[in-house]
Amino acid sequence: MSRRKTRPRTSAPAVTADTPCPCGLDAAYGACCGRFHGGTAGTAPTAELLMRSRYSAFAVGDAAYLLRTWAPETRPRTLDLDPGTRWTGLEILDTTGGTAFHQTGTVTFRARYAHGGEAGALHERSRFARHDGAWVYVDGDFPDD
């Protein structure tokens, strides 16, 4: 009888309320992005915090939150997250606007991931706007590295 060799799974450790937040801030997930995902803290007060919470939503597989925080005019009908992608780190490179005093803002970031045993990075300049008083993701472009 032959046994097939399988590659070990490289799934991400489970994210709980007490584990470090995937967004990289020095806080537990439940006190950081988890409070926005669960709705216990209302909405993210800045474009950067919305960006961080959306990154964390990708990391924990919360497609409903991603759709809820997407501008209605650019939001897809559905969002299928790839369970084979593991998000491994977020670096905020630049922000413009996006505070309580603004109606729009941008966040340029680099998000690292692993997929199929290969490491990669997504470099994006995301645009955000207020919709009914809350920050939402509008769209983004990919600056040259």
C-alpha atoms as a PDB file:
ATOM      1  CA  MET A   1       0.000   0.000   0.000  1.00  0.00           C
ATOM      2  CA  SER A   2       1.474   3.340  -0.997  1.00  0.00           C
ATOM      3  CA  ARG A   3       0.913   6.560   0.887  1.00  0.00           C
ATOM      4  CA  ARG A   4       0.676   9.844  -0.909  1.00  0.00           C
ATOM      5  CA  LYS A   5       2.820  12.576   0.492  1.00  0.00           C
ATOM      6  CA  THR A   6       0.972  15.763   1.170  1.00  0.00           C
ATOM      7  CA  ARG A   7       2.415  19.154   1.798  1.00  0.00           C
ATOM      8  CA  PRO A   8       1.732  20.499   5.264  1.00  0.00           C
ATOM      9  CA  ARG A   9      -1.013  23.073   5.427  1.00  0.00           C
ATOM     10  CA  THR A  10       0.187  26.595   5.940  1.00  0.00           C
ATOM     11  CA  SER A  11      -3.026  27.986   7.323  1.00  0.00           C
ATOM     12  CA  ALA A  12      -2.902  31.119   9.387  1.00  0.00           C
ATOM     13  CA  PRO A  13      -3.271  30.875  13.131  1.00  0.00           C
ATOM     14  CA  ALA A  14      -6.801  31.556  14.294  1.00  0.00           C
ATOM     15  CA  VAL A  15      -7.548  35.185  15.073  1.00  0.00           C
ATOM     16  CA  THR A  16      -9.467  35.650  18.322  1.00  0.00           C
ATOM     17  CA  ALA A  17     -10.491  38.708  20.317  1.00  0.00           C
ATOM     18  CA  ASP A  18      -7.320  38.328  22.390  1.00  0.00           C
ATOM     19  CA  THR A  19      -4.747  37.712  19.660  1.00  0.00           C
ATOM     20  CA  PRO A  20      -2.773  40.573  18.083  1.00  0.00           C
ATOM     21  CA  CYS A  21      -4.745  42.458  15.456  1.00  0.00           C
ATOM     22  CA  PRO A  22      -3.750  41.551  11.873  1.00  0.00           C
ATOM     23  CA  CYS A  23      -3.619  45.275  10.965  1.00  0.00           C
ATOM     24  CA  GLY A  24      -0.341  45.691  12.839  1.00  0.00           C
ATOM     25  CA  LEU A  25      -1.414  48.157  15.518  1.00  0.00           C
ATOM     26  CA  ASP A  26      -0.344  47.318  19.057  1.00  0.00           C
ATOM     27  CA  ALA A  27      -3.748  46.060  20.212  1.00  0.00           C
ATOM     28  CA  ALA A  28      -5.722  42.856  20.464  1.00  0.00           C
ATOM     29  CA  TYR A  29      -8.063  42.117  17.551  1.00  0.00           C
ATOM     30  CA  GLY A  30     -11.186  42.501  19.707  1.00  0.00           C
ATOM     31  CA  ALA A  31     -10.165  45.979  20.878  1.00  0.00           C
ATOM     32  CA  CYS A  32      -8.914  47.037  17.436  1.00  0.00           C
ATOM     33  CA  CYS A  33     -10.433  45.987  14.100  1.00  0.00           C
ATOM     34  CA  GLY A  34     -12.685  43.317  15.597  1.00  0.00           C
ATOM     35  CA  ARG A  35     -14.830  46.008  17.222  1.00  0.00           C
ATOM     36  CA  PHE A  36     -15.570  47.466  13.774  1.00  0.00           C
ATOM     37  CA  HIS A  37     -16.182  44.045  12.215  1.00  0.00           C
ATOM     38  CA  GLY A  38     -18.635  43.169  14.984  1.00  0.00           C
ATOM     39  CA  GLY A  39     -20.321  46.564  14.930  1.00  0.00           C
ATOM     40  CA  THR A  40     -19.692  47.247  18.621  1.00  0.00           C
ATOM     41  CA  ALA A  41     -17.718  50.452  17.929  1.00  0.00           C
ATOM     42  CA  GLY A  42     -19.739  51.936  15.098  1.00  0.00           C
ATOM     43  CA  THR A  43     -17.614  52.839  12.093  1.00  0.00           C
ATOM     44  CA  ALA A  44     -13.921  53.575  11.683  1.00  0.00           C
ATOM     45  CA  PRO A  45     -13.320  57.278  12.457  1.00  0.00           C
ATOM     46  CA  THR A  46     -10.551  57.793   9.858  1.00  0.00           C
ATOM     47  CA  ALA A  47      -9.748  56.522   6.393  1.00  0.00           C
ATOM     48  CA  GLU A  48      -6.570  54.895   7.728  1.00  0.00           C
ATOM     49  CA  LEU A  49      -8.440  52.986  10.420  1.00  0.00           C
ATOM     50  CA  LEU A  50     -10.965  51.874   7.809  1.00  0.00           C
ATOM     51  CA  MET A  51      -8.072  50.694   5.601  1.00  0.00           C
ATOM     52  CA  ARG A  52      -6.596  48.762   8.533  1.00  0.00           C
ATOM     53  CA  SER A  53      -9.965  47.222   9.408  1.00  0.00           C
ATOM     54  CA  ARG A  54     -10.532  46.202   5.784  1.00  0.00           C
ATOM     55  CA  TYR A  55      -7.096  44.561   5.670  1.00  0.00           C
ATOM     56  CA  SER A  56      -7.995  42.685   8.868  1.00  0.00           C
ATOM     57  CA  ALA A  57     -11.313  41.676   7.287  1.00  0.00           C
ATOM     58  CA  PHE A  58      -9.378  40.090   4.421  1.00  0.00           C
ATOM     59  CA  ALA A  59      -7.144  38.362   6.979  1.00  0.00           C
ATOM     60  CA  VAL A  60     -10.087  36.892   8.928  1.00  0.00           C
ATOM     61  CA  GLY A  61     -12.287  36.240   5.873  1.00  0.00           C
ATOM     62  CA  ASP A  62     -15.047  38.757   6.679  1.00  0.00           C
ATOM     63  CA  ALA A  63     -16.473  39.441   3.217  1.00  0.00           C
ATOM     64  CA  ALA A  64     -19.661  40.958   4.682  1.00  0.00           C
ATOM     65  CA  TYR A  65     -17.640  43.721   6.375  1.00  0.00           C
ATOM     66  CA  LEU A  66     -15.713  44.407   3.177  1.00  0.00           C
ATOM     67  CA  LEU A  67     -18.945  44.822   1.225  1.00  0.00           C
ATOM     68  CA  ARG A  68     -20.538  46.929   3.980  1.00  0.00           C
ATOM     69  CA  THR A  69     -17.590  49.366   3.934  1.00  0.00           C
ATOM     70  CA  TRP A  70     -17.425  49.676   0.138  1.00  0.00           C
ATOM     71  CA  ALA A  71     -18.919  52.744  -1.588  1.00  0.00           C
ATOM     72  CA  PRO A  72     -22.273  51.813  -3.156  1.00  0.00           C
ATOM     73  CA  GLU A  73     -21.261  53.181  -6.574  1.00  0.00           C
ATOM     74  CA  THR A  74     -18.211  50.889  -6.862  1.00  0.00           C
ATOM     75  CA  ARG A  75     -19.220  47.924  -4.654  1.00  0.00           C
ATOM     76  CA  PRO A  76     -19.393  44.526  -6.348  1.00  0.00           C
ATOM     77  CA  ARG A  77     -22.544  42.477  -5.804  1.00  0.00           C
ATOM     78  CA  THR A  78     -20.611  39.649  -4.203  1.00  0.00           C
ATOM     79  CA  LEU A  79     -17.103  39.066  -3.003  1.00  0.00           C
ATOM     80  CA  ASP A  80     -15.453  35.649  -3.005  1.00  0.00           C
ATOM     81  CA  LEU A  81     -12.332  35.602  -0.852  1.00  0.00           C
ATOM     82  CA  ASP A  82      -9.656  33.061  -1.761  1.00  0.00           C
ATOM     83  CA  PRO A  83      -9.238  30.763   1.260  1.00  0.00           C
ATOM     84  CA  GLY A  84      -5.763  29.878  -0.023  1.00  0.00           C
ATOM     85  CA  THR A  85      -4.484  33.408   0.520  1.00  0.00           C
ATOM     86  CA  ARG A  86      -2.964  34.166   3.921  1.00  0.00           C
ATOM     87  CA  TRP A  87      -2.390  37.849   4.683  1.00  0.00           C
ATOM     88  CA  THR A  88       0.885  38.272   6.551  1.00  0.00           C
ATOM     89  CA  GLY A  89       1.458  41.983   7.143  1.00  0.00           C
ATOM     90  CA  LEU A  90       0.340  45.527   6.458  1.00  0.00           C
ATOM     91  CA  GLU A  91       2.543  48.580   6.011  1.00  0.00           C
ATOM     92  CA  ILE A  92       0.951  52.019   5.712  1.00  0.00           C
ATOM     93  CA  LEU A  93       3.169  54.089   3.402  1.00  0.00           C
ATOM     94  CA  ASP A  94       1.264  57.370   3.165  1.00  0.00           C
ATOM     95  CA  THR A  95      -2.056  59.014   3.987  1.00  0.00           C
ATOM     96  CA  THR A  96      -3.699  62.191   2.769  1.00  0.00           C
ATOM     97  CA  GLY A  97      -6.872  63.647   4.244  1.00  0.00           C
ATOM     98  CA  GLY A  98      -9.165  61.034   5.715  1.00  0.00           C
ATOM     99  CA  THR A  99      -9.670  62.598   9.170  1.00  0.00           C
ATOM    100  CA  ALA A 100     -12.731  63.979  10.938  1.00  0.00           C
ATOM    101  CA  PHE A 101     -12.111  67.244   9.064  1.00  0.00           C
ATOM    102  CA  HIS A 102     -12.179  65.715   5.557  1.00  0.00           C
ATOM    103  CA  GLN A 103     -14.711  64.243   3.150  1.00  0.00           C
ATOM    104  CA  THR A 104     -12.139  62.251   1.176  1.00  0.00           C
ATOM    105  CA  GLY A 105      -8.781  60.651   1.808  1.00  0.00           C
ATOM    106  CA  THR A 106      -6.196  58.279   0.417  1.00  0.00           C
ATOM    107  CA  VAL A 107      -4.138  55.568   2.038  1.00  0.00           C
ATOM    108  CA  THR A 108      -1.154  54.081   0.249  1.00  0.00           C
ATOM    109  CA  PHE A 109      -0.145  50.710   1.638  1.00  0.00           C
ATOM    110  CA  ARG A 110       1.699  47.488   1.018  1.00  0.00           C
ATOM    111  CA  ALA A 111      -0.086  44.304   2.090  1.00  0.00           C
ATOM    112  CA  ARG A 112       1.964  41.120   2.208  1.00  0.00           C
ATOM    113  CA  TYR A 113       0.489  37.704   1.615  1.00  0.00           C
ATOM    114  CA  ALA A 114       1.298  34.075   0.926  1.00  0.00           C
ATOM    115  CA  HIS A 115      -0.532  31.989  -1.645  1.00  0.00           C
ATOM    116  CA  GLY A 116       0.353  28.520  -2.831  1.00  0.00           C
ATOM    117  CA  GLY A 117       3.627  28.632  -0.936  1.00  0.00           C
ATOM    118  CA  GLU A 118       4.675  31.838  -2.677  1.00  0.00           C
ATOM    119  CA  ALA A 119       5.070  35.216  -0.975  1.00  0.00           C
ATOM    120  CA  GLY A 120       3.697  38.341  -2.597  1.00  0.00           C
ATOM    121  CA  ALA A 121       2.728  41.925  -1.930  1.00  0.00           C
ATOM    122  CA  LEU A 122      -0.082  44.202  -3.014  1.00  0.00           C
ATOM    123  CA  HIS A 123       0.891  47.881  -3.305  1.00  0.00           C
ATOM    124  CA  GLU A 124      -2.175  50.103  -3.626  1.00  0.00           C
ATOM    125  CA  ARG A 125      -3.254  53.707  -3.226  1.00  0.00           C
ATOM    126  CA  SER A 126      -6.831  53.427  -1.973  1.00  0.00           C
ATOM    127  CA  ARG A 127      -9.364  56.227  -2.182  1.00  0.00           C
ATOM    128  CA  PHE A 128     -11.921  56.735   0.565  1.00  0.00           C
ATOM    129  CA  ALA A 129     -14.928  59.027   0.935  1.00  0.00           C
ATOM    130  CA  ARG A 130     -17.652  59.659   3.433  1.00  0.00           C
ATOM    131  CA  HIS A 131     -21.014  58.090   2.701  1.00  0.00           C
ATOM    132  CA  ASP A 132     -23.864  58.872   5.089  1.00  0.00           C
ATOM    133  CA  GLY A 133     -21.221  60.095   7.548  1.00  0.00           C
ATOM    134  CA  ALA A 134     -19.113  56.917   7.499  1.00  0.00           C
ATOM    135  CA  TRP A 135     -15.827  56.287   5.718  1.00  0.00           C
ATOM    136  CA  VAL A 136     -16.090  53.861   2.783  1.00  0.00           C
ATOM    137  CA  TYR A 137     -13.601  52.428   0.305  1.00  0.00           C
ATOM    138  CA  VAL A 138     -14.165  53.870  -3.179  1.00  0.00           C
ATOM    139  CA  ASP A 139     -11.439  52.366  -5.361  1.00  0.00           C
ATOM    140  CA  GLY A 140      -7.700  52.202  -5.765  1.00  0.00           C
ATOM    141  CA  ASP A 141      -4.810  52.185  -8.147  1.00  0.00           C
ATOM    142  CA  PHE A 142      -1.466  50.471  -8.148  1.00  0.00           C
ATOM    143  CA  PRO A 143       1.481  52.883  -8.018  1.00  0.00           C
ATOM    144  CA  ASP A 144       4.763  51.845  -9.561  1.00  0.00           C
ATOM    145  CA  ASP A 145       7.162  50.341  -7.050  1.00  0.00           C
END
